[in-house]
Amino acid sequence: MSQRKSFRQLISLMMSMSTNDLPTKSDINWVRREIKKFFWL
């Protein structure tokens, strides 16, 4: 359940970033890392 919650937080973060100005490259890299972590657990 905690994984699902963190994944939901990640999605909401991505949504908020997309509504803001273009996210910085570091933000994009961070999201990619988080997604990889999530899928490789």
Protein backbone atom coordinates (compact mmCIF):
# COMPACT_ATOMS: atom_id res chain seq x y z
CA MET A 1 0.00 0.00 0.00
CA SER A 2 2.84 2.38 0.78
CA GLN A 3 4.25 1.77 -2.70
CA ARG A 4 0.92 2.64 -4.24
CA LYS A 5 0.70 5.79 -2.15
CA SER A 6 4.19 6.91 -3.11
CA PHE A 7 3.41 6.20 -6.75
CA ARG A 8 0.30 8.35 -6.48
CA GLN A 9 2.40 11.13 -4.98
CA LEU A 10 4.83 10.79 -7.85
CA ILE A 11 2.02 11.09 -10.38
CA SER A 12 0.61 14.17 -8.67
CA LEU A 13 4.08 15.70 -8.62
CA MET A 14 4.46 15.10 -12.34
CA MET A 15 1.04 16.65 -12.95
CA SER A 16 1.91 19.74 -10.95
CA MET A 17 5.24 20.05 -12.75
CA SER A 18 3.56 19.82 -16.14
CA THR A 19 1.10 22.58 -15.22
CA ASN A 20 3.93 24.81 -14.05
CA ASP A 21 6.61 26.19 -16.29
CA LEU A 22 8.72 23.58 -17.96
CA PRO A 23 10.41 21.46 -15.29
CA THR A 24 14.14 21.71 -15.02
CA LYS A 25 16.33 18.90 -16.27
CA SER A 26 17.15 17.87 -12.71
CA ASP A 27 13.43 17.53 -11.95
CA ILE A 28 12.97 15.32 -14.98
CA ASN A 29 15.97 13.20 -14.01
CA TRP A 30 14.64 12.86 -10.48
CA VAL A 31 11.24 11.71 -11.71
CA ARG A 32 12.89 9.21 -14.05
CA ARG A 33 14.95 7.85 -11.15
CA GLU A 34 11.87 7.54 -8.96
CA ILE A 35 9.94 5.73 -11.68
CA LYS A 36 12.84 3.34 -12.27
CA LYS A 37 13.09 2.68 -8.55
CA PHE A 38 9.38 2.00 -8.40
CA PHE A 39 9.37 -0.43 -11.31
CA TRP A 40 12.55 -2.25 -10.31
CA LEU A 41 11.49 -3.00 -6.76
